[in-house]
Amino acid sequence: MMSQVADPTEVLINGAQAAYDEKNYPEAVAVLELALERMVDKSGHYNLADRWKLERTYFLLGKATSS
């Protein structure tokens, strides 16, 4: 299935959600970590426009790591 989303970070997050839904938690965590690397620089700064994506990423990461 091809994503209709143009934002590569959002594609990663959606893929992580799909992995989580399939109970593939290690893959979901790995993909979410990639998404975080794209959004947050080494000093911990991020673009405010990405805030909602960060919130979703951390929420899914919390769910996947506790499953």
C-alpha atoms as a PDB file:
ATOM      1  CA  MET A   1       0.000   0.000   0.000  1.00  0.00           C
ATOM      2  CA  MET A   2       1.430   3.364  -0.994  1.00  0.00           C
ATOM      3  CA  SER A   3       0.968   6.348   1.282  1.00  0.00           C
ATOM      4  CA  GLN A   4      -0.676   9.475  -0.055  1.00  0.00           C
ATOM      5  CA  VAL A   5       1.241  11.589   2.452  1.00  0.00           C
ATOM      6  CA  ALA A   6       4.034  13.774   1.079  1.00  0.00           C
ATOM      7  CA  ASP A   7       5.831  14.340   4.398  1.00  0.00           C
ATOM      8  CA  PRO A   8       8.457  11.587   4.854  1.00  0.00           C
ATOM      9  CA  THR A   9       8.330  11.885   8.649  1.00  0.00           C
ATOM     10  CA  GLU A  10       4.591  11.399   8.638  1.00  0.00           C
ATOM     11  CA  VAL A  11       5.053   8.340   6.424  1.00  0.00           C
ATOM     12  CA  LEU A  12       7.402   6.911   9.070  1.00  0.00           C
ATOM     13  CA  ILE A  13       4.921   7.610  11.856  1.00  0.00           C
ATOM     14  CA  ASN A  14       2.102   6.003   9.884  1.00  0.00           C
ATOM     15  CA  GLY A  15       4.312   2.979   9.219  1.00  0.00           C
ATOM     16  CA  ALA A  16       5.103   2.715  12.913  1.00  0.00           C
ATOM     17  CA  GLN A  17       1.386   2.841  13.692  1.00  0.00           C
ATOM     18  CA  ALA A  18       0.794   0.008  11.224  1.00  0.00           C
ATOM     19  CA  ALA A  19       3.595  -2.059  12.816  1.00  0.00           C
ATOM     20  CA  TYR A  20       2.119  -1.401  16.250  1.00  0.00           C
ATOM     21  CA  ASP A  21      -1.351  -2.417  15.070  1.00  0.00           C
ATOM     22  CA  GLU A  22       0.183  -5.685  13.818  1.00  0.00           C
ATOM     23  CA  LYS A  23       1.793  -6.170  17.269  1.00  0.00           C
ATOM     24  CA  ASN A  24       5.265  -5.811  15.746  1.00  0.00           C
ATOM     25  CA  TYR A  25       6.484  -3.640  18.606  1.00  0.00           C
ATOM     26  CA  PRO A  26      10.240  -3.810  17.900  1.00  0.00           C
ATOM     27  CA  GLU A  27       9.674  -2.552  14.349  1.00  0.00           C
ATOM     28  CA  ALA A  28       7.341   0.191  15.568  1.00  0.00           C
ATOM     29  CA  VAL A  29       9.969   1.364  18.073  1.00  0.00           C
ATOM     30  CA  ALA A  30      12.741   1.327  15.439  1.00  0.00           C
ATOM     31  CA  VAL A  31      10.672   3.336  12.962  1.00  0.00           C
ATOM     32  CA  LEU A  32       9.600   5.841  15.611  1.00  0.00           C
ATOM     33  CA  GLU A  33      13.233   6.357  16.579  1.00  0.00           C
ATOM     34  CA  LEU A  34      13.988   7.142  12.919  1.00  0.00           C
ATOM     35  CA  ALA A  35      11.142   9.651  12.897  1.00  0.00           C
ATOM     36  CA  LEU A  36      12.548  11.307  16.021  1.00  0.00           C
ATOM     37  CA  GLU A  37      15.989  11.559  14.409  1.00  0.00           C
ATOM     38  CA  ARG A  38      14.380  13.457  11.520  1.00  0.00           C
ATOM     39  CA  MET A  39      12.508  15.882  13.770  1.00  0.00           C
ATOM     40  CA  VAL A  40      14.847  16.565  16.704  1.00  0.00           C
ATOM     41  CA  ASP A  41      18.422  17.768  16.256  1.00  0.00           C
ATOM     42  CA  LYS A  42      21.319  16.647  18.448  1.00  0.00           C
ATOM     43  CA  SER A  43      20.818  19.577  20.821  1.00  0.00           C
ATOM     44  CA  GLY A  44      17.168  18.638  21.397  1.00  0.00           C
ATOM     45  CA  HIS A  45      15.662  21.422  19.293  1.00  0.00           C
ATOM     46  CA  TYR A  46      12.780  20.885  16.912  1.00  0.00           C
ATOM     47  CA  ASN A  47      10.594  22.900  14.577  1.00  0.00           C
ATOM     48  CA  LEU A  48       7.408  24.072  16.316  1.00  0.00           C
ATOM     49  CA  ALA A  49       5.437  23.060  13.229  1.00  0.00           C
ATOM     50  CA  ASP A  50       6.420  19.446  14.032  1.00  0.00           C
ATOM     51  CA  ARG A  51       5.053  19.569  17.558  1.00  0.00           C
ATOM     52  CA  TRP A  52       1.921  17.523  16.786  1.00  0.00           C
ATOM     53  CA  LYS A  53       4.061  14.885  15.037  1.00  0.00           C
ATOM     54  CA  LEU A  54       6.361  14.744  18.051  1.00  0.00           C
ATOM     55  CA  GLU A  55       3.402  14.312  20.393  1.00  0.00           C
ATOM     56  CA  ARG A  56       2.054  11.450  18.274  1.00  0.00           C
ATOM     57  CA  THR A  57       5.521   9.876  18.010  1.00  0.00           C
ATOM     58  CA  TYR A  58       6.154   9.941  21.750  1.00  0.00           C
ATOM     59  CA  PHE A  59       2.638   8.643  22.459  1.00  0.00           C
ATOM     60  CA  LEU A  60       3.129   5.686  20.093  1.00  0.00           C
ATOM     61  CA  LEU A  61       6.634   5.094  21.410  1.00  0.00           C
ATOM     62  CA  GLY A  62       5.297   4.882  24.941  1.00  0.00           C
ATOM     63  CA  LYS A  63       2.629   2.407  23.877  1.00  0.00           C
ATOM     64  CA  ALA A  64       5.054   0.266  21.853  1.00  0.00           C
ATOM     65  CA  THR A  65       7.720   0.098  24.556  1.00  0.00           C
ATOM     66  CA  SER A  66       5.217  -0.872  27.230  1.00  0.00           C
ATOM     67  CA  SER A  67       3.616  -3.631  25.146  1.00  0.00           C
END
